[in-house]
């Protein structure tokens, strides 16, 4: 069921992550035209909301799916999004450093198992292209995933520690 409301203000100061079943993503290496599966853990902190717009930070850690122990290296993005009264979502992820292009995500908010999830799809990259879809589930400090995110085995605060949310300019 799609959540229908014109008041999405409850999104402010919420955190979201990719559950285990949504971790696989497909990556294309353009140079050799080869596909590979990766693990893509993403965490959002929605820091603000107003009139159908929301913003915050996102951190993504991408790892190969070989099962070898790897050190996750989260990459930070500023998030700028819109949400319609019916729950349709459009997100732009802007890299913290202009090291890569922006990523676009589209989706919608759904009610699933008596809670809300963002059902999202995205694609990004230039030399290496990534396609990913996942249900972004809300996570709170009391949840087990808060301290041990699936696929990367680090905490939400660790994923987001280098991410700086955008500042809202006050009206003059």
C-alpha atoms as a PDB file:
ATOM      1  CA  UNK A   1       0.000   0.000   0.000  1.00  0.00           C
ATOM      2  CA  UNK A   2       1.263   3.453  -0.864  1.00  0.00           C
ATOM      3  CA  UNK A   3       1.122   5.959   1.985  1.00  0.00           C
ATOM      4  CA  UNK A   4      -1.078   8.910   1.057  1.00  0.00           C
ATOM      5  CA  UNK A   5      -0.569  12.074   3.037  1.00  0.00           C
ATOM      6  CA  UNK A   6       0.411  15.617   2.367  1.00  0.00           C
ATOM      7  CA  UNK A   7       2.364  15.775   5.628  1.00  0.00           C
ATOM      8  CA  UNK A   8       5.696  14.005   5.383  1.00  0.00           C
ATOM      9  CA  UNK A   9       7.240  16.106   8.173  1.00  0.00           C
ATOM     10  CA  UNK A  10       7.803  12.936  10.234  1.00  0.00           C
ATOM     11  CA  UNK A  11      10.707  12.175   7.845  1.00  0.00           C
ATOM     12  CA  UNK A  12      12.808  14.906   9.455  1.00  0.00           C
ATOM     13  CA  UNK A  13      15.720  13.508  11.512  1.00  0.00           C
ATOM     14  CA  UNK A  14      15.161   9.887  10.428  1.00  0.00           C
ATOM     15  CA  UNK A  15      17.745   7.316   9.343  1.00  0.00           C
ATOM     16  CA  UNK A  16      17.361   4.658   6.620  1.00  0.00           C
ATOM     17  CA  UNK A  17      19.459   1.699   5.446  1.00  0.00           C
ATOM     18  CA  UNK A  18      19.486  -1.216   2.982  1.00  0.00           C
ATOM     19  CA  UNK A  19      18.374  -4.519   4.493  1.00  0.00           C
ATOM     20  CA  UNK A  20      20.248  -7.735   3.638  1.00  0.00           C
ATOM     21  CA  UNK A  21      17.994  -8.822   0.768  1.00  0.00           C
ATOM     22  CA  UNK A  22      18.494  -5.478  -0.992  1.00  0.00           C
ATOM     23  CA  UNK A  23      22.309  -5.403  -0.879  1.00  0.00           C
ATOM     24  CA  UNK A  24      23.129  -6.948  -4.295  1.00  0.00           C
ATOM     25  CA  UNK A  25      23.722  -4.449  -7.094  1.00  0.00           C
ATOM     26  CA  UNK A  26      24.920  -4.926 -10.649  1.00  0.00           C
ATOM     27  CA  UNK A  27      28.006  -3.169 -11.935  1.00  0.00           C
ATOM     28  CA  UNK A  28      29.238  -2.770 -15.521  1.00  0.00           C
ATOM     29  CA  UNK A  29      32.903  -2.086 -16.254  1.00  0.00           C
ATOM     30  CA  UNK A  30      32.646  -0.062 -19.461  1.00  0.00           C
ATOM     31  CA  UNK A  31      36.275  -0.668 -20.495  1.00  0.00           C
ATOM     32  CA  UNK A  32      35.922  -4.430 -20.829  1.00  0.00           C
ATOM     33  CA  UNK A  33      32.113  -4.620 -21.050  1.00  0.00           C
ATOM     34  CA  UNK A  34      31.912  -7.024 -18.093  1.00  0.00           C
ATOM     35  CA  UNK A  35      29.249  -7.344 -15.412  1.00  0.00           C
ATOM     36  CA  UNK A  36      29.844  -8.149 -11.755  1.00  0.00           C
ATOM     37  CA  UNK A  37      27.761  -8.338  -8.604  1.00  0.00           C
ATOM     38  CA  UNK A  38      28.630  -6.048  -5.721  1.00  0.00           C
ATOM     39  CA  UNK A  39      27.349  -5.329  -2.224  1.00  0.00           C
ATOM     40  CA  UNK A  40      25.920  -1.796  -1.947  1.00  0.00           C
ATOM     41  CA  UNK A  41      25.054  -0.619   1.579  1.00  0.00           C
ATOM     42  CA  UNK A  42      23.607   2.872   1.713  1.00  0.00           C
ATOM     43  CA  UNK A  43      22.551   4.901   4.755  1.00  0.00           C
ATOM     44  CA  UNK A  44      20.509   8.094   4.704  1.00  0.00           C
ATOM     45  CA  UNK A  45      20.034  10.708   7.388  1.00  0.00           C
ATOM     46  CA  UNK A  46      17.122  12.931   6.388  1.00  0.00           C
ATOM     47  CA  UNK A  47      17.938  16.092   8.325  1.00  0.00           C
ATOM     48  CA  UNK A  48      15.168  18.353   7.104  1.00  0.00           C
ATOM     49  CA  UNK A  49      11.743  18.490   5.480  1.00  0.00           C
ATOM     50  CA  UNK A  50       9.491  21.295   4.284  1.00  0.00           C
ATOM     51  CA  UNK A  51       6.548  21.461   1.858  1.00  0.00           C
ATOM     52  CA  UNK A  52       7.301  18.270  -0.072  1.00  0.00           C
ATOM     53  CA  UNK A  53      11.084  18.709  -0.096  1.00  0.00           C
ATOM     54  CA  UNK A  54      13.600  16.884   2.048  1.00  0.00           C
ATOM     55  CA  UNK A  55      17.361  16.916   2.385  1.00  0.00           C
ATOM     56  CA  UNK A  56      20.224  15.409   4.316  1.00  0.00           C
ATOM     57  CA  UNK A  57      23.210  13.167   3.824  1.00  0.00           C
ATOM     58  CA  UNK A  58      23.833   9.737   2.402  1.00  0.00           C
ATOM     59  CA  UNK A  59      26.798   7.387   2.732  1.00  0.00           C
ATOM     60  CA  UNK A  60      27.424   4.443   0.447  1.00  0.00           C
ATOM     61  CA  UNK A  61      29.903   1.613   0.904  1.00  0.00           C
ATOM     62  CA  UNK A  62      30.366  -0.603  -2.150  1.00  0.00           C
ATOM     63  CA  UNK A  63      32.223  -3.901  -1.847  1.00  0.00           C
ATOM     64  CA  UNK A  64      32.701  -6.873  -4.145  1.00  0.00           C
ATOM     65  CA  UNK A  65      30.655  -9.936  -3.232  1.00  0.00           C
ATOM     66  CA  UNK A  66      33.620 -12.321  -3.039  1.00  0.00           C
ATOM     67  CA  UNK A  67      33.145 -12.947   0.672  1.00  0.00           C
ATOM     68  CA  UNK A  68      36.714 -11.800   1.420  1.00  0.00           C
ATOM     69  CA  UNK A  69      37.057  -9.464   4.362  1.00  0.00           C
ATOM     70  CA  UNK A  70      37.329  -5.903   3.108  1.00  0.00           C
ATOM     71  CA  UNK A  71      37.480  -2.574   4.841  1.00  0.00           C
ATOM     72  CA  UNK A  72      34.321  -0.610   3.966  1.00  0.00           C
ATOM     73  CA  UNK A  73      35.061   2.899   2.721  1.00  0.00           C
ATOM     74  CA  UNK A  74      31.869   4.943   2.910  1.00  0.00           C
ATOM     75  CA  UNK A  75      31.508   7.775   0.402  1.00  0.00           C
ATOM     76  CA  UNK A  76      29.399  10.781   1.412  1.00  0.00           C
ATOM     77  CA  UNK A  77      26.745  12.558  -0.627  1.00  0.00           C
ATOM     78  CA  UNK A  78      24.409  15.473   0.017  1.00  0.00           C
ATOM     79  CA  UNK A  79      20.816  14.379  -0.576  1.00  0.00           C
ATOM     80  CA  UNK A  80      18.172  16.636  -2.107  1.00  0.00           C
ATOM     81  CA  UNK A  81      14.734  15.160  -2.678  1.00  0.00           C
ATOM     82  CA  UNK A  82      11.085  15.695  -3.396  1.00  0.00           C
ATOM     83  CA  UNK A  83       8.115  13.661  -2.246  1.00  0.00           C
ATOM     84  CA  UNK A  84       4.576  14.018  -3.559  1.00  0.00           C
ATOM     85  CA  UNK A  85       1.486  13.726  -1.356  1.00  0.00           C
ATOM     86  CA  UNK A  86       1.046  10.192  -2.768  1.00  0.00           C
ATOM     87  CA  UNK A  87       4.603   9.185  -1.761  1.00  0.00           C
ATOM     88  CA  UNK A  88       6.425   9.364  -5.104  1.00  0.00           C
ATOM     89  CA  UNK A  89      10.093  10.177  -4.503  1.00  0.00           C
ATOM     90  CA  UNK A  90      12.821  11.764  -6.616  1.00  0.00           C
ATOM     91  CA  UNK A  91      16.308  12.061  -5.097  1.00  0.00           C
ATOM     92  CA  UNK A  92      19.558  13.600  -6.243  1.00  0.00           C
ATOM     93  CA  UNK A  93      22.762  12.491  -4.531  1.00  0.00           C
ATOM     94  CA  UNK A  94      25.538  15.082  -4.893  1.00  0.00           C
ATOM     95  CA  UNK A  95      29.098  13.900  -4.142  1.00  0.00           C
ATOM     96  CA  UNK A  96      30.880  15.651  -1.270  1.00  0.00           C
ATOM     97  CA  UNK A  97      33.860  16.185  -3.529  1.00  0.00           C
ATOM     98  CA  UNK A  98      33.317  16.675  -7.224  1.00  0.00           C
ATOM     99  CA  UNK A  99      34.979  13.319  -7.808  1.00  0.00           C
ATOM    100  CA  UNK A 100      31.981  11.792  -9.528  1.00  0.00           C
ATOM    101  CA  UNK A 101      28.724  12.731 -11.142  1.00  0.00           C
ATOM    102  CA  UNK A 102      25.453  13.087  -9.311  1.00  0.00           C
ATOM    103  CA  UNK A 103      23.288  10.015  -8.851  1.00  0.00           C
ATOM    104  CA  UNK A 104      19.545  10.063  -9.433  1.00  0.00           C
ATOM    105  CA  UNK A 105      17.158   7.860  -7.472  1.00  0.00           C
ATOM    106  CA  UNK A 106      13.453   7.399  -8.098  1.00  0.00           C
ATOM    107  CA  UNK A 107      10.907   5.511  -6.073  1.00  0.00           C
ATOM    108  CA  UNK A 108       8.028   5.669  -3.678  1.00  0.00           C
ATOM    109  CA  UNK A 109       7.182   5.187  -0.047  1.00  0.00           C
ATOM    110  CA  UNK A 110       5.319   1.961   0.711  1.00  0.00           C
ATOM    111  CA  UNK A 111       3.827   0.490   3.835  1.00  0.00           C
ATOM    112  CA  UNK A 112       5.467  -2.900   4.380  1.00  0.00           C
ATOM    113  CA  UNK A 113       5.121  -5.105   7.473  1.00  0.00           C
ATOM    114  CA  UNK A 114       3.395  -2.317   9.455  1.00  0.00           C
ATOM    115  CA  UNK A 115       6.212   0.155   8.763  1.00  0.00           C
ATOM    116  CA  UNK A 116       7.223   2.424   5.916  1.00  0.00           C
ATOM    117  CA  UNK A 117       9.979   1.782   3.395  1.00  0.00           C
ATOM    118  CA  UNK A 118      11.362   3.737   0.493  1.00  0.00           C
ATOM    119  CA  UNK A 119      11.278   1.518  -2.615  1.00  0.00           C
ATOM    120  CA  UNK A 120      14.128   3.041  -4.606  1.00  0.00           C
ATOM    121  CA  UNK A 121      15.936   2.546  -7.905  1.00  0.00           C
ATOM    122  CA  UNK A 122      19.123   4.290  -8.962  1.00  0.00           C
ATOM    123  CA  UNK A 123      21.900   4.230 -11.493  1.00  0.00           C
ATOM    124  CA  UNK A 124      25.226   6.026 -11.449  1.00  0.00           C
ATOM    125  CA  UNK A 125      28.738   6.087 -12.773  1.00  0.00           C
ATOM    126  CA  UNK A 126      30.798   6.824 -15.827  1.00  0.00           C
ATOM    127  CA  UNK A 127      33.584   4.260 -16.394  1.00  0.00           C
ATOM    128  CA  UNK A 128      31.943   1.831 -14.007  1.00  0.00           C
ATOM    129  CA  UNK A 129      28.143   1.940 -14.035  1.00  0.00           C
ATOM    130  CA  UNK A 130      26.066   0.693 -11.130  1.00  0.00           C
ATOM    131  CA  UNK A 131      22.363  -0.194 -11.104  1.00  0.00           C
ATOM    132  CA  UNK A 132      20.693  -0.847  -7.758  1.00  0.00           C
ATOM    133  CA  UNK A 133      17.218  -1.140  -6.291  1.00  0.00           C
ATOM    134  CA  UNK A 134      16.371  -1.642  -2.648  1.00  0.00           C
ATOM    135  CA  UNK A 135      13.844  -1.070   0.057  1.00  0.00           C
ATOM    136  CA  UNK A 136      15.300   1.562   2.365  1.00  0.00           C
ATOM    137  CA  UNK A 137      14.123   0.669   5.876  1.00  0.00           C
ATOM    138  CA  UNK A 138      14.049   3.010   8.828  1.00  0.00           C
ATOM    139  CA  UNK A 139      16.696   2.326  11.461  1.00  0.00           C
ATOM    140  CA  UNK A 140      16.886   3.652  15.030  1.00  0.00           C
ATOM    141  CA  UNK A 141      19.600   3.447  17.716  1.00  0.00           C
ATOM    142  CA  UNK A 142      17.739   0.592  19.468  1.00  0.00           C
ATOM    143  CA  UNK A 143      17.701  -1.583  16.306  1.00  0.00           C
ATOM    144  CA  UNK A 144      20.435  -4.259  15.833  1.00  0.00           C
ATOM    145  CA  UNK A 145      21.300  -2.842  12.386  1.00  0.00           C
ATOM    146  CA  UNK A 146      22.214   0.527  13.964  1.00  0.00           C
ATOM    147  CA  UNK A 147      25.466  -0.950  15.317  1.00  0.00           C
ATOM    148  CA  UNK A 148      26.047  -3.614  12.664  1.00  0.00           C
ATOM    149  CA  UNK A 149      24.850  -2.730   9.170  1.00  0.00           C
ATOM    150  CA  UNK A 150      24.322  -5.713   6.843  1.00  0.00           C
ATOM    151  CA  UNK A 151      27.070  -6.218   4.287  1.00  0.00           C
ATOM    152  CA  UNK A 152      29.577  -3.843   5.868  1.00  0.00           C
ATOM    153  CA  UNK A 153      29.450  -4.692   9.599  1.00  0.00           C
ATOM    154  CA  UNK A 154      29.900  -1.117  10.779  1.00  0.00           C
ATOM    155  CA  UNK A 155      27.492   1.207  12.578  1.00  0.00           C
ATOM    156  CA  UNK A 156      25.226   3.916  11.198  1.00  0.00           C
ATOM    157  CA  UNK A 157      27.285   6.632  12.970  1.00  0.00           C
ATOM    158  CA  UNK A 158      30.490   5.165  11.486  1.00  0.00           C
ATOM    159  CA  UNK A 159      28.977   5.214   7.972  1.00  0.00           C
ATOM    160  CA  UNK A 160      27.922   8.863   8.327  1.00  0.00           C
ATOM    161  CA  UNK A 161      30.799  10.270  10.403  1.00  0.00           C
ATOM    162  CA  UNK A 162      32.404  12.222   7.545  1.00  0.00           C
ATOM    163  CA  UNK A 163      29.131  13.428   6.013  1.00  0.00           C
ATOM    164  CA  UNK A 164      28.103  17.035   6.574  1.00  0.00           C
ATOM    165  CA  UNK A 165      24.419  17.932   6.102  1.00  0.00           C
ATOM    166  CA  UNK A 166      23.522  21.016   4.080  1.00  0.00           C
ATOM    167  CA  UNK A 167      22.751  24.223   5.945  1.00  0.00           C
ATOM    168  CA  UNK A 168      19.371  25.876   5.516  1.00  0.00           C
ATOM    169  CA  UNK A 169      19.612  29.609   4.863  1.00  0.00           C
ATOM    170  CA  UNK A 170      17.240  31.621   7.010  1.00  0.00           C
ATOM    171  CA  UNK A 171      14.899  34.109   5.369  1.00  0.00           C
ATOM    172  CA  UNK A 172      16.071  37.666   5.834  1.00  0.00           C
END
